[in-house]
């Protein structure tokens, strides 16, 4: 709960968002949010490597590292999620925070996201998702979906490559001076991912309660919370749902304390984008194995090829979304900031 509170406060105060990282970089050559993501990934990867190699947390037993490569479902889900998040105007984490700030458009997205995620994970769409996985997935001979294991290399090699990419991205990507405030926010978010692994994989483990480690994500908890509210049963562990509650509470408290809580009613003509975007985010995230936080940070911190594939697909889907919006709504570099502010697309 405390992890979620801190995450919600940081994202609310800094507008940390993967959609912003991609859209601002493409449309305005503004890489400050990209730097923040790289900082978060850098800390998450190094911290998780320490926990795994030190034998503190069984990262290799998590769902991100199962020895199965659901390439078709992951790629399709990532593309759908990325495209939907661009239509909806924010990534999973930022959308949750904006809903807590009083943005009713984001609340519409969050509700559509939650319903379709639950339907895909536990409901009517689950058999089709499972069938597709069973008929297209590849079993990995390495017994592990870590990219290093597949290539027959030590685990630290993959982490070292990601570290170098992140450092290059932070210090060399873009000509403008980086935002140290956003980079600090990224560091905190990355540290919270590591903290999540430590809490669930070490502190809460005992002989009578052995369970897989988990960390910060949004899509799965939204689906579980929806099932709980509609049926009274909570599938899976409660850690990630507690984090989700903390995110909402932290963002709301931060917005109220800083007087940035405002009820914002979306324009009627944009409701179709919000509903469609949220629905696609829910379906895509469950198929991809997580949202931009779940696979883009938590999953990537494990060195999983599944998470890497999903992340690449999510970014590709976001780029497709940008291409659609720039064509249909004539968004250009000059009016993009105004478009984001008034029509709930982006930052």
C-alpha atoms as a PDB file:
ATOM      1  CA  UNK A   1       0.000   0.000   0.000  1.00  0.00           C
ATOM      2  CA  UNK A   2       2.839   2.379   0.864  1.00  0.00           C
ATOM      3  CA  UNK A   3       4.558   1.517  -2.438  1.00  0.00           C
ATOM      4  CA  UNK A   4       1.379   2.429  -4.298  1.00  0.00           C
ATOM      5  CA  UNK A   5       0.979   5.662  -2.341  1.00  0.00           C
ATOM      6  CA  UNK A   6       4.490   6.764  -3.227  1.00  0.00           C
ATOM      7  CA  UNK A   7       4.071   5.740  -6.864  1.00  0.00           C
ATOM      8  CA  UNK A   8       0.811   7.711  -7.132  1.00  0.00           C
ATOM      9  CA  UNK A   9       2.354  10.818  -5.574  1.00  0.00           C
ATOM     10  CA  UNK A  10       5.433  10.745  -7.815  1.00  0.00           C
ATOM     11  CA  UNK A  11       3.459  10.192 -11.023  1.00  0.00           C
ATOM     12  CA  UNK A  12       0.910  12.849 -10.062  1.00  0.00           C
ATOM     13  CA  UNK A  13       3.578  15.446  -9.339  1.00  0.00           C
ATOM     14  CA  UNK A  14       5.798  14.736 -12.364  1.00  0.00           C
ATOM     15  CA  UNK A  15       3.377  13.336 -14.978  1.00  0.00           C
ATOM     16  CA  UNK A  16       5.642  10.321 -15.505  1.00  0.00           C
ATOM     17  CA  UNK A  17       4.101   8.584 -18.523  1.00  0.00           C
ATOM     18  CA  UNK A  18       5.303   6.271 -21.280  1.00  0.00           C
ATOM     19  CA  UNK A  19       2.803   7.699 -23.774  1.00  0.00           C
ATOM     20  CA  UNK A  20       4.332  11.113 -23.144  1.00  0.00           C
ATOM     21  CA  UNK A  21       7.808   9.631 -23.555  1.00  0.00           C
ATOM     22  CA  UNK A  22       6.966   8.307 -27.013  1.00  0.00           C
ATOM     23  CA  UNK A  23       4.626  11.029 -28.287  1.00  0.00           C
ATOM     24  CA  UNK A  24       6.707  13.990 -27.070  1.00  0.00           C
ATOM     25  CA  UNK A  25       9.854  12.471 -28.548  1.00  0.00           C
ATOM     26  CA  UNK A  26       8.230  11.846 -31.942  1.00  0.00           C
ATOM     27  CA  UNK A  27       6.168  15.014 -32.281  1.00  0.00           C
ATOM     28  CA  UNK A  28       8.233  17.610 -30.426  1.00  0.00           C
ATOM     29  CA  UNK A  29      11.702  16.043 -30.126  1.00  0.00           C
ATOM     30  CA  UNK A  30      11.279  16.421 -26.378  1.00  0.00           C
ATOM     31  CA  UNK A  31      13.055  13.494 -24.704  1.00  0.00           C
ATOM     32  CA  UNK A  32      12.649  14.450 -21.044  1.00  0.00           C
ATOM     33  CA  UNK A  33      10.002  11.801 -20.325  1.00  0.00           C
ATOM     34  CA  UNK A  34      12.098   9.294 -22.285  1.00  0.00           C
ATOM     35  CA  UNK A  35      15.027  10.045 -19.983  1.00  0.00           C
ATOM     36  CA  UNK A  36      12.745   9.409 -16.995  1.00  0.00           C
ATOM     37  CA  UNK A  37      11.732   6.013 -18.375  1.00  0.00           C
ATOM     38  CA  UNK A  38      15.361   5.045 -18.994  1.00  0.00           C
ATOM     39  CA  UNK A  39      16.227   6.071 -15.424  1.00  0.00           C
ATOM     40  CA  UNK A  40      13.397   3.926 -14.054  1.00  0.00           C
ATOM     41  CA  UNK A  41      14.430   0.948 -16.176  1.00  0.00           C
ATOM     42  CA  UNK A  42      18.089   1.319 -15.194  1.00  0.00           C
ATOM     43  CA  UNK A  43      17.342   1.216 -11.460  1.00  0.00           C
ATOM     44  CA  UNK A  44      14.770  -1.584 -11.836  1.00  0.00           C
ATOM     45  CA  UNK A  45      17.151  -3.790 -13.845  1.00  0.00           C
ATOM     46  CA  UNK A  46      20.162  -3.345 -11.568  1.00  0.00           C
ATOM     47  CA  UNK A  47      18.140  -3.747  -8.390  1.00  0.00           C
ATOM     48  CA  UNK A  48      16.374  -6.872  -9.630  1.00  0.00           C
ATOM     49  CA  UNK A  49      19.674  -8.383 -10.798  1.00  0.00           C
ATOM     50  CA  UNK A  50      21.057  -7.881  -7.284  1.00  0.00           C
ATOM     51  CA  UNK A  51      18.028  -9.585  -5.715  1.00  0.00           C
ATOM     52  CA  UNK A  52      18.212 -12.562  -8.080  1.00  0.00           C
ATOM     53  CA  UNK A  53      21.956 -13.161  -8.140  1.00  0.00           C
ATOM     54  CA  UNK A  54      22.102 -12.678  -4.386  1.00  0.00           C
ATOM     55  CA  UNK A  55      19.552 -15.432  -3.925  1.00  0.00           C
ATOM     56  CA  UNK A  56      17.141 -13.117  -2.107  1.00  0.00           C
ATOM     57  CA  UNK A  57      14.217 -13.375  -4.542  1.00  0.00           C
ATOM     58  CA  UNK A  58      13.353 -16.222  -6.938  1.00  0.00           C
ATOM     59  CA  UNK A  59      12.894 -13.975  -9.957  1.00  0.00           C
ATOM     60  CA  UNK A  60      13.343 -16.994 -12.233  1.00  0.00           C
ATOM     61  CA  UNK A  61      10.083 -18.446 -10.887  1.00  0.00           C
ATOM     62  CA  UNK A  62       7.944 -15.432 -11.795  1.00  0.00           C
ATOM     63  CA  UNK A  63       5.470 -15.400 -14.661  1.00  0.00           C
ATOM     64  CA  UNK A  64       7.771 -13.239 -16.760  1.00  0.00           C
ATOM     65  CA  UNK A  65      10.350 -16.025 -16.876  1.00  0.00           C
ATOM     66  CA  UNK A  66       8.212 -19.064 -17.654  1.00  0.00           C
ATOM     67  CA  UNK A  67       9.929 -21.191 -20.366  1.00  0.00           C
ATOM     68  CA  UNK A  68       7.285 -20.442 -22.966  1.00  0.00           C
ATOM     69  CA  UNK A  69       7.335 -17.830 -25.714  1.00  0.00           C
ATOM     70  CA  UNK A  70       3.822 -16.726 -26.651  1.00  0.00           C
ATOM     71  CA  UNK A  71       5.155 -14.677 -29.537  1.00  0.00           C
ATOM     72  CA  UNK A  72       1.904 -14.139 -31.455  1.00  0.00           C
ATOM     73  CA  UNK A  73      -0.269 -13.269 -28.459  1.00  0.00           C
ATOM     74  CA  UNK A  74       2.406 -11.035 -26.939  1.00  0.00           C
ATOM     75  CA  UNK A  75       3.080  -9.126 -30.154  1.00  0.00           C
ATOM     76  CA  UNK A  76      -0.613  -8.730 -30.945  1.00  0.00           C
ATOM     77  CA  UNK A  77      -1.424  -7.704 -27.392  1.00  0.00           C
ATOM     78  CA  UNK A  78       1.416  -5.198 -27.273  1.00  0.00           C
ATOM     79  CA  UNK A  79       0.363  -3.577 -30.540  1.00  0.00           C
ATOM     80  CA  UNK A  80      -3.258  -3.351 -29.387  1.00  0.00           C
ATOM     81  CA  UNK A  81      -2.307  -1.930 -25.973  1.00  0.00           C
ATOM     82  CA  UNK A  82       0.092   0.638 -27.427  1.00  0.00           C
ATOM     83  CA  UNK A  83      -2.428   1.799 -30.031  1.00  0.00           C
ATOM     84  CA  UNK A  84      -5.185   1.959 -27.420  1.00  0.00           C
ATOM     85  CA  UNK A  85      -3.097   3.934 -24.932  1.00  0.00           C
ATOM     86  CA  UNK A  86      -2.406   6.574 -27.562  1.00  0.00           C
ATOM     87  CA  UNK A  87      -6.116   6.851 -28.359  1.00  0.00           C
ATOM     88  CA  UNK A  88      -6.912   7.000 -24.645  1.00  0.00           C
ATOM     89  CA  UNK A  89      -4.324   9.694 -24.008  1.00  0.00           C
ATOM     90  CA  UNK A  90      -2.108   8.047 -21.429  1.00  0.00           C
ATOM     91  CA  UNK A  91      -0.371   4.893 -20.288  1.00  0.00           C
ATOM     92  CA  UNK A  92      -1.823   2.627 -17.612  1.00  0.00           C
ATOM     93  CA  UNK A  93      -0.135   4.307 -14.656  1.00  0.00           C
ATOM     94  CA  UNK A  94      -0.763   7.868 -15.787  1.00  0.00           C
ATOM     95  CA  UNK A  95      -4.401   7.132 -16.664  1.00  0.00           C
ATOM     96  CA  UNK A  96      -4.972   5.763 -13.158  1.00  0.00           C
ATOM     97  CA  UNK A  97      -3.427   8.884 -11.643  1.00  0.00           C
ATOM     98  CA  UNK A  98      -5.381  11.265 -13.896  1.00  0.00           C
ATOM     99  CA  UNK A  99      -8.626   9.571 -12.890  1.00  0.00           C
ATOM    100  CA  UNK A 100      -7.719  10.265  -9.246  1.00  0.00           C
ATOM    101  CA  UNK A 101      -7.047  13.917 -10.176  1.00  0.00           C
ATOM    102  CA  UNK A 102     -10.664  14.353 -11.279  1.00  0.00           C
ATOM    103  CA  UNK A 103     -10.244  13.825 -15.010  1.00  0.00           C
ATOM    104  CA  UNK A 104     -13.519  12.143 -15.962  1.00  0.00           C
ATOM    105  CA  UNK A 105     -12.163  11.228 -19.384  1.00  0.00           C
ATOM    106  CA  UNK A 106      -9.407   9.225 -17.725  1.00  0.00           C
ATOM    107  CA  UNK A 107     -12.025   7.609 -15.488  1.00  0.00           C
ATOM    108  CA  UNK A 108     -13.939   6.492 -18.594  1.00  0.00           C
ATOM    109  CA  UNK A 109     -10.705   4.996 -19.945  1.00  0.00           C
ATOM    110  CA  UNK A 110      -9.976   3.272 -16.624  1.00  0.00           C
ATOM    111  CA  UNK A 111     -13.441   1.709 -16.428  1.00  0.00           C
ATOM    112  CA  UNK A 112     -13.262   0.418 -20.009  1.00  0.00           C
ATOM    113  CA  UNK A 113      -9.721  -0.796 -19.325  1.00  0.00           C
ATOM    114  CA  UNK A 114     -10.787  -2.665 -16.177  1.00  0.00           C
ATOM    115  CA  UNK A 115     -13.833  -4.330 -17.753  1.00  0.00           C
ATOM    116  CA  UNK A 116     -12.077  -5.605 -20.870  1.00  0.00           C
ATOM    117  CA  UNK A 117      -9.016  -6.691 -18.866  1.00  0.00           C
ATOM    118  CA  UNK A 118     -11.239  -8.769 -16.571  1.00  0.00           C
ATOM    119  CA  UNK A 119     -13.096 -10.192 -19.562  1.00  0.00           C
ATOM    120  CA  UNK A 120      -9.857 -11.175 -21.261  1.00  0.00           C
ATOM    121  CA  UNK A 121      -8.184 -12.522 -18.128  1.00  0.00           C
ATOM    122  CA  UNK A 122     -11.053 -14.343 -16.406  1.00  0.00           C
ATOM    123  CA  UNK A 123     -14.184 -13.905 -18.533  1.00  0.00           C
ATOM    124  CA  UNK A 124     -15.660 -14.615 -21.938  1.00  0.00           C
ATOM    125  CA  UNK A 125     -12.470 -13.877 -23.892  1.00  0.00           C
ATOM    126  CA  UNK A 126     -10.243 -16.074 -21.721  1.00  0.00           C
ATOM    127  CA  UNK A 127     -10.831 -19.342 -23.670  1.00  0.00           C
ATOM    128  CA  UNK A 128      -9.862 -17.684 -26.944  1.00  0.00           C
ATOM    129  CA  UNK A 129      -6.722 -16.188 -25.419  1.00  0.00           C
ATOM    130  CA  UNK A 130      -5.727 -19.532 -23.899  1.00  0.00           C
ATOM    131  CA  UNK A 131      -6.457 -21.406 -27.152  1.00  0.00           C
ATOM    132  CA  UNK A 132      -4.283 -18.991 -29.109  1.00  0.00           C
ATOM    133  CA  UNK A 133      -1.448 -19.388 -26.600  1.00  0.00           C
ATOM    134  CA  UNK A 134      -1.675 -23.172 -26.680  1.00  0.00           C
ATOM    135  CA  UNK A 135      -1.585 -23.314 -30.470  1.00  0.00           C
ATOM    136  CA  UNK A 136       1.107 -20.748 -31.221  1.00  0.00           C
ATOM    137  CA  UNK A 137       3.507 -20.683 -28.269  1.00  0.00           C
ATOM    138  CA  UNK A 138       7.031 -22.091 -28.374  1.00  0.00           C
ATOM    139  CA  UNK A 139       8.534 -24.055 -25.503  1.00  0.00           C
ATOM    140  CA  UNK A 140      12.039 -22.823 -24.714  1.00  0.00           C
ATOM    141  CA  UNK A 141      14.741 -25.472 -24.330  1.00  0.00           C
ATOM    142  CA  UNK A 142      16.663 -23.243 -21.922  1.00  0.00           C
ATOM    143  CA  UNK A 143      13.944 -23.738 -19.313  1.00  0.00           C
ATOM    144  CA  UNK A 144      13.891 -19.977 -18.786  1.00  0.00           C
ATOM    145  CA  UNK A 145      12.682 -17.052 -20.903  1.00  0.00           C
ATOM    146  CA  UNK A 146      15.503 -14.744 -19.807  1.00  0.00           C
ATOM    147  CA  UNK A 147      17.231 -13.594 -22.987  1.00  0.00           C
ATOM    148  CA  UNK A 148      20.640 -14.322 -21.463  1.00  0.00           C
ATOM    149  CA  UNK A 149      19.630 -17.918 -20.687  1.00  0.00           C
ATOM    150  CA  UNK A 150      18.307 -18.444 -24.215  1.00  0.00           C
ATOM    151  CA  UNK A 151      21.632 -17.240 -25.630  1.00  0.00           C
ATOM    152  CA  UNK A 152      23.595 -19.309 -23.128  1.00  0.00           C
ATOM    153  CA  UNK A 153      25.110 -16.266 -21.423  1.00  0.00           C
ATOM    154  CA  UNK A 154      25.347 -15.257 -17.747  1.00  0.00           C
ATOM    155  CA  UNK A 155      22.324 -13.353 -16.480  1.00  0.00           C
ATOM    156  CA  UNK A 156      24.330 -10.195 -15.836  1.00  0.00           C
ATOM    157  CA  UNK A 157      25.153  -9.806 -19.549  1.00  0.00           C
ATOM    158  CA  UNK A 158      21.573  -8.923 -20.481  1.00  0.00           C
ATOM    159  CA  UNK A 159      21.342  -6.509 -17.566  1.00  0.00           C
ATOM    160  CA  UNK A 160      24.629  -4.906 -18.602  1.00  0.00           C
ATOM    161  CA  UNK A 161      23.339  -4.339 -22.146  1.00  0.00           C
ATOM    162  CA  UNK A 162      20.138  -2.727 -20.854  1.00  0.00           C
ATOM    163  CA  UNK A 163      22.206  -0.573 -18.475  1.00  0.00           C
ATOM    164  CA  UNK A 164      24.377   0.713 -21.318  1.00  0.00           C
ATOM    165  CA  UNK A 165      21.312   1.439 -23.476  1.00  0.00           C
ATOM    166  CA  UNK A 166      19.694   3.368 -20.620  1.00  0.00           C
ATOM    167  CA  UNK A 167      22.815   5.420 -19.891  1.00  0.00           C
ATOM    168  CA  UNK A 168      23.250   6.270 -23.578  1.00  0.00           C
ATOM    169  CA  UNK A 169      19.582   7.212 -23.773  1.00  0.00           C
ATOM    170  CA  UNK A 170      19.769   9.486 -20.732  1.00  0.00           C
ATOM    171  CA  UNK A 171      22.999  11.312 -21.611  1.00  0.00           C
ATOM    172  CA  UNK A 172      23.040  11.304 -25.408  1.00  0.00           C
ATOM    173  CA  UNK A 173      19.421  11.200 -26.592  1.00  0.00           C
ATOM    174  CA  UNK A 174      18.157  14.673 -27.423  1.00  0.00           C
ATOM    175  CA  UNK A 175      19.943  17.991 -27.487  1.00  0.00           C
ATOM    176  CA  UNK A 176      17.933  19.770 -24.791  1.00  0.00           C
ATOM    177  CA  UNK A 177      19.077  19.773 -21.180  1.00  0.00           C
ATOM    178  CA  UNK A 178      17.521  16.811 -19.329  1.00  0.00           C
ATOM    179  CA  UNK A 179      14.921  17.334 -16.617  1.00  0.00           C
ATOM    180  CA  UNK A 180      16.578  16.196 -13.408  1.00  0.00           C
ATOM    181  CA  UNK A 181      13.177  16.301 -11.718  1.00  0.00           C
ATOM    182  CA  UNK A 182      11.806  13.736 -14.159  1.00  0.00           C
ATOM    183  CA  UNK A 183      14.963  11.632 -13.938  1.00  0.00           C
ATOM    184  CA  UNK A 184      14.608  11.624 -10.141  1.00  0.00           C
ATOM    185  CA  UNK A 185      10.990  10.521 -10.569  1.00  0.00           C
ATOM    186  CA  UNK A 186      12.153   7.688 -12.803  1.00  0.00           C
ATOM    187  CA  UNK A 187      14.700   6.611 -10.198  1.00  0.00           C
ATOM    188  CA  UNK A 188      11.973   6.460  -7.536  1.00  0.00           C
ATOM    189  CA  UNK A 189       9.649   4.461  -9.809  1.00  0.00           C
ATOM    190  CA  UNK A 190      12.446   2.014 -10.632  1.00  0.00           C
ATOM    191  CA  UNK A 191      13.269   1.641  -6.942  1.00  0.00           C
ATOM    192  CA  UNK A 192       9.611   0.886  -6.204  1.00  0.00           C
ATOM    193  CA  UNK A 193       9.722  -1.963  -8.727  1.00  0.00           C
ATOM    194  CA  UNK A 194      12.718  -3.409  -6.874  1.00  0.00           C
ATOM    195  CA  UNK A 195      10.953  -2.863  -3.530  1.00  0.00           C
ATOM    196  CA  UNK A 196       7.940  -4.776  -4.818  1.00  0.00           C
ATOM    197  CA  UNK A 197      10.107  -7.780  -5.678  1.00  0.00           C
ATOM    198  CA  UNK A 198      11.753  -7.634  -2.251  1.00  0.00           C
ATOM    199  CA  UNK A 199       8.485  -7.331  -0.334  1.00  0.00           C
ATOM    200  CA  UNK A 200       6.726 -10.207  -2.093  1.00  0.00           C
ATOM    201  CA  UNK A 201       9.743 -12.380  -2.839  1.00  0.00           C
ATOM    202  CA  UNK A 202      11.587 -12.111   0.470  1.00  0.00           C
ATOM    203  CA  UNK A 203       9.781 -10.359   3.322  1.00  0.00           C
ATOM    204  CA  UNK A 204       6.440 -12.125   2.843  1.00  0.00           C
ATOM    205  CA  UNK A 205       7.794 -15.612   2.126  1.00  0.00           C
ATOM    206  CA  UNK A 206       7.661 -18.334   4.770  1.00  0.00           C
ATOM    207  CA  UNK A 207       7.254 -22.097   4.952  1.00  0.00           C
ATOM    208  CA  UNK A 208       3.482 -21.830   5.259  1.00  0.00           C
ATOM    209  CA  UNK A 209       2.958 -19.169   2.560  1.00  0.00           C
ATOM    210  CA  UNK A 210       5.134 -19.778  -0.461  1.00  0.00           C
ATOM    211  CA  UNK A 211       4.108 -17.783  -3.506  1.00  0.00           C
ATOM    212  CA  UNK A 212       5.574 -16.234  -6.620  1.00  0.00           C
ATOM    213  CA  UNK A 213       7.164 -12.830  -6.252  1.00  0.00           C
ATOM    214  CA  UNK A 214       5.343  -9.915  -7.881  1.00  0.00           C
ATOM    215  CA  UNK A 215       5.881  -6.206  -8.307  1.00  0.00           C
ATOM    216  CA  UNK A 216       4.198  -3.073  -9.598  1.00  0.00           C
ATOM    217  CA  UNK A 217       1.754  -3.430 -12.471  1.00  0.00           C
ATOM    218  CA  UNK A 218      -1.687  -2.049 -13.313  1.00  0.00           C
ATOM    219  CA  UNK A 219      -3.521  -4.280 -15.800  1.00  0.00           C
ATOM    220  CA  UNK A 220      -3.689  -7.473 -13.751  1.00  0.00           C
ATOM    221  CA  UNK A 221      -4.754  -5.693 -10.528  1.00  0.00           C
ATOM    222  CA  UNK A 222      -7.482  -3.825 -12.421  1.00  0.00           C
ATOM    223  CA  UNK A 223      -8.829  -7.133 -13.728  1.00  0.00           C
ATOM    224  CA  UNK A 224      -8.660  -8.737 -10.266  1.00  0.00           C
ATOM    225  CA  UNK A 225     -10.296  -5.747  -8.592  1.00  0.00           C
ATOM    226  CA  UNK A 226     -13.122  -5.853 -11.153  1.00  0.00           C
ATOM    227  CA  UNK A 227     -13.709  -9.551 -10.461  1.00  0.00           C
ATOM    228  CA  UNK A 228     -13.704  -8.852  -6.719  1.00  0.00           C
ATOM    229  CA  UNK A 229     -16.230  -6.014  -7.026  1.00  0.00           C
ATOM    230  CA  UNK A 230     -18.561  -8.095  -9.194  1.00  0.00           C
ATOM    231  CA  UNK A 231     -18.244 -11.542  -7.595  1.00  0.00           C
ATOM    232  CA  UNK A 232     -16.789 -10.991  -4.128  1.00  0.00           C
ATOM    233  CA  UNK A 233     -13.788 -13.265  -4.779  1.00  0.00           C
ATOM    234  CA  UNK A 234     -10.240 -12.047  -5.318  1.00  0.00           C
ATOM    235  CA  UNK A 235      -8.220 -14.245  -7.698  1.00  0.00           C
ATOM    236  CA  UNK A 236      -4.490 -14.247  -7.038  1.00  0.00           C
ATOM    237  CA  UNK A 237      -2.516 -12.447  -4.371  1.00  0.00           C
ATOM    238  CA  UNK A 238      -3.491  -9.146  -2.813  1.00  0.00           C
ATOM    239  CA  UNK A 239      -0.189  -7.290  -3.129  1.00  0.00           C
ATOM    240  CA  UNK A 240      -0.743  -5.806  -6.593  1.00  0.00           C
ATOM    241  CA  UNK A 241      -4.351  -4.857  -5.800  1.00  0.00           C
ATOM    242  CA  UNK A 242      -3.118  -3.090  -2.664  1.00  0.00           C
ATOM    243  CA  UNK A 243      -0.583  -1.246  -4.805  1.00  0.00           C
ATOM    244  CA  UNK A 244      -3.382  -0.160  -7.160  1.00  0.00           C
ATOM    245  CA  UNK A 245      -5.426   1.163  -4.236  1.00  0.00           C
ATOM    246  CA  UNK A 246      -2.337   2.973  -3.002  1.00  0.00           C
ATOM    247  CA  UNK A 247      -1.754   4.581  -6.407  1.00  0.00           C
ATOM    248  CA  UNK A 248      -5.288   5.965  -6.472  1.00  0.00           C
ATOM    249  CA  UNK A 249      -5.080   7.177  -2.865  1.00  0.00           C
ATOM    250  CA  UNK A 250      -1.621   8.699  -3.282  1.00  0.00           C
ATOM    251  CA  UNK A 251      -2.546  10.531  -6.471  1.00  0.00           C
ATOM    252  CA  UNK A 252      -5.791  11.829  -4.941  1.00  0.00           C
ATOM    253  CA  UNK A 253      -4.046  13.046  -1.789  1.00  0.00           C
ATOM    254  CA  UNK A 254      -1.306  14.719  -3.801  1.00  0.00           C
ATOM    255  CA  UNK A 255      -3.823  16.408  -6.092  1.00  0.00           C
ATOM    256  CA  UNK A 256      -5.871  17.707  -3.162  1.00  0.00           C
ATOM    257  CA  UNK A 257      -2.840  18.952  -1.219  1.00  0.00           C
ATOM    258  CA  UNK A 258      -1.411  20.775  -4.229  1.00  0.00           C
ATOM    259  CA  UNK A 259      -4.832  22.068  -5.333  1.00  0.00           C
ATOM    260  CA  UNK A 260      -4.472  20.377  -8.698  1.00  0.00           C
ATOM    261  CA  UNK A 261      -7.645  18.317  -8.305  1.00  0.00           C
ATOM    262  CA  UNK A 262     -10.133  19.504 -10.915  1.00  0.00           C
ATOM    263  CA  UNK A 263     -13.181  17.877 -12.413  1.00  0.00           C
ATOM    264  CA  UNK A 264     -12.527  17.797 -16.145  1.00  0.00           C
ATOM    265  CA  UNK A 265     -15.380  16.696 -18.392  1.00  0.00           C
ATOM    266  CA  UNK A 266     -14.260  15.256 -21.751  1.00  0.00           C
ATOM    267  CA  UNK A 267     -15.737  16.660 -24.936  1.00  0.00           C
ATOM    268  CA  UNK A 268     -18.452  14.427 -26.389  1.00  0.00           C
ATOM    269  CA  UNK A 269     -16.669  13.893 -29.702  1.00  0.00           C
ATOM    270  CA  UNK A 270     -13.693  12.360 -27.882  1.00  0.00           C
ATOM    271  CA  UNK A 271     -15.638   9.798 -25.874  1.00  0.00           C
ATOM    272  CA  UNK A 272     -15.356   7.257 -28.686  1.00  0.00           C
ATOM    273  CA  UNK A 273     -11.555   7.564 -28.552  1.00  0.00           C
ATOM    274  CA  UNK A 274     -11.538   7.207 -24.781  1.00  0.00           C
ATOM    275  CA  UNK A 275     -13.824   4.174 -24.720  1.00  0.00           C
ATOM    276  CA  UNK A 276     -12.102   2.459 -27.629  1.00  0.00           C
ATOM    277  CA  UNK A 277      -8.669   3.251 -26.242  1.00  0.00           C
ATOM    278  CA  UNK A 278      -9.497   1.931 -22.779  1.00  0.00           C
ATOM    279  CA  UNK A 279     -11.067  -1.240 -24.180  1.00  0.00           C
ATOM    280  CA  UNK A 280      -8.023  -1.933 -26.371  1.00  0.00           C
ATOM    281  CA  UNK A 281      -5.693  -1.297 -23.435  1.00  0.00           C
ATOM    282  CA  UNK A 282      -7.530  -3.886 -21.347  1.00  0.00           C
ATOM    283  CA  UNK A 283      -7.490  -6.586 -24.015  1.00  0.00           C
ATOM    284  CA  UNK A 284      -3.962  -5.841 -25.180  1.00  0.00           C
ATOM    285  CA  UNK A 285      -2.364  -5.696 -21.737  1.00  0.00           C
ATOM    286  CA  UNK A 286      -3.651  -9.107 -20.670  1.00  0.00           C
ATOM    287  CA  UNK A 287      -2.553 -10.700 -23.954  1.00  0.00           C
ATOM    288  CA  UNK A 288       0.864  -9.017 -23.800  1.00  0.00           C
ATOM    289  CA  UNK A 289       1.434 -10.163 -20.235  1.00  0.00           C
ATOM    290  CA  UNK A 290       1.103  -6.715 -18.705  1.00  0.00           C
ATOM    291  CA  UNK A 291       0.807  -2.989 -19.331  1.00  0.00           C
ATOM    292  CA  UNK A 292       3.614  -0.537 -20.025  1.00  0.00           C
ATOM    293  CA  UNK A 293       4.485  -0.654 -16.303  1.00  0.00           C
ATOM    294  CA  UNK A 294       3.933  -4.386 -15.895  1.00  0.00           C
ATOM    295  CA  UNK A 295       6.103  -5.442 -18.835  1.00  0.00           C
ATOM    296  CA  UNK A 296       7.866  -2.172 -19.657  1.00  0.00           C
ATOM    297  CA  UNK A 297       9.473  -1.885 -16.211  1.00  0.00           C
ATOM    298  CA  UNK A 298       8.649  -4.819 -13.925  1.00  0.00           C
ATOM    299  CA  UNK A 299       8.908  -7.418 -16.701  1.00  0.00           C
ATOM    300  CA  UNK A 300      11.969  -5.839 -18.290  1.00  0.00           C
ATOM    301  CA  UNK A 301      13.725  -5.834 -14.928  1.00  0.00           C
ATOM    302  CA  UNK A 302      13.750  -9.655 -15.079  1.00  0.00           C
ATOM    303  CA  UNK A 303      15.573  -9.749 -18.430  1.00  0.00           C
ATOM    304  CA  UNK A 304      12.684 -11.670 -20.001  1.00  0.00           C
ATOM    305  CA  UNK A 305      12.413 -11.986 -23.783  1.00  0.00           C
ATOM    306  CA  UNK A 306       8.646 -12.037 -23.282  1.00  0.00           C
ATOM    307  CA  UNK A 307       8.745  -8.575 -21.693  1.00  0.00           C
ATOM    308  CA  UNK A 308      11.171  -7.259 -24.306  1.00  0.00           C
ATOM    309  CA  UNK A 309       8.919  -8.461 -27.127  1.00  0.00           C
ATOM    310  CA  UNK A 310       5.878  -6.902 -25.475  1.00  0.00           C
ATOM    311  CA  UNK A 311       7.669  -3.584 -24.919  1.00  0.00           C
ATOM    312  CA  UNK A 312       8.773  -3.341 -28.546  1.00  0.00           C
ATOM    313  CA  UNK A 313       5.223  -4.149 -29.671  1.00  0.00           C
ATOM    314  CA  UNK A 314       3.740  -1.559 -27.284  1.00  0.00           C
ATOM    315  CA  UNK A 315       6.014   1.189 -28.627  1.00  0.00           C
ATOM    316  CA  UNK A 316       5.160   0.144 -32.204  1.00  0.00           C
ATOM    317  CA  UNK A 317       1.456   0.343 -31.337  1.00  0.00           C
ATOM    318  CA  UNK A 318       1.944   3.815 -29.872  1.00  0.00           C
ATOM    319  CA  UNK A 319       3.666   4.939 -33.068  1.00  0.00           C
ATOM    320  CA  UNK A 320       0.705   3.631 -35.070  1.00  0.00           C
ATOM    321  CA  UNK A 321      -1.604   5.586 -32.774  1.00  0.00           C
ATOM    322  CA  UNK A 322       0.393   8.773 -33.321  1.00  0.00           C
ATOM    323  CA  UNK A 323       0.216   8.250 -37.090  1.00  0.00           C
ATOM    324  CA  UNK A 324      -3.578   7.893 -36.904  1.00  0.00           C
ATOM    325  CA  UNK A 325      -4.079  10.934 -34.683  1.00  0.00           C
ATOM    326  CA  UNK A 326      -1.802  13.171 -36.733  1.00  0.00           C
ATOM    327  CA  UNK A 327      -3.738  12.226 -39.863  1.00  0.00           C
ATOM    328  CA  UNK A 328      -7.303  12.341 -38.531  1.00  0.00           C
ATOM    329  CA  UNK A 329      -6.990  15.262 -36.120  1.00  0.00           C
ATOM    330  CA  UNK A 330      -4.203  17.204 -37.841  1.00  0.00           C
ATOM    331  CA  UNK A 331      -1.983  17.244 -34.789  1.00  0.00           C
ATOM    332  CA  UNK A 332       1.378  18.860 -35.504  1.00  0.00           C
ATOM    333  CA  UNK A 333       4.331  20.016 -33.453  1.00  0.00           C
ATOM    334  CA  UNK A 334       2.888  23.475 -32.882  1.00  0.00           C
ATOM    335  CA  UNK A 335      -0.529  22.559 -31.538  1.00  0.00           C
ATOM    336  CA  UNK A 336       0.307  19.223 -29.945  1.00  0.00           C
ATOM    337  CA  UNK A 337       0.582  20.591 -26.411  1.00  0.00           C
ATOM    338  CA  UNK A 338      -2.771  22.368 -26.751  1.00  0.00           C
ATOM    339  CA  UNK A 339      -4.319  19.194 -28.177  1.00  0.00           C
ATOM    340  CA  UNK A 340      -3.087  17.141 -25.245  1.00  0.00           C
ATOM    341  CA  UNK A 341      -4.372  19.607 -22.662  1.00  0.00           C
ATOM    342  CA  UNK A 342      -7.860  20.152 -24.077  1.00  0.00           C
ATOM    343  CA  UNK A 343      -8.645  16.756 -25.589  1.00  0.00           C
ATOM    344  CA  UNK A 344      -7.057  14.363 -23.090  1.00  0.00           C
ATOM    345  CA  UNK A 345      -4.560  12.934 -25.550  1.00  0.00           C
ATOM    346  CA  UNK A 346      -1.013  12.628 -24.216  1.00  0.00           C
ATOM    347  CA  UNK A 347       0.666  14.233 -21.238  1.00  0.00           C
END
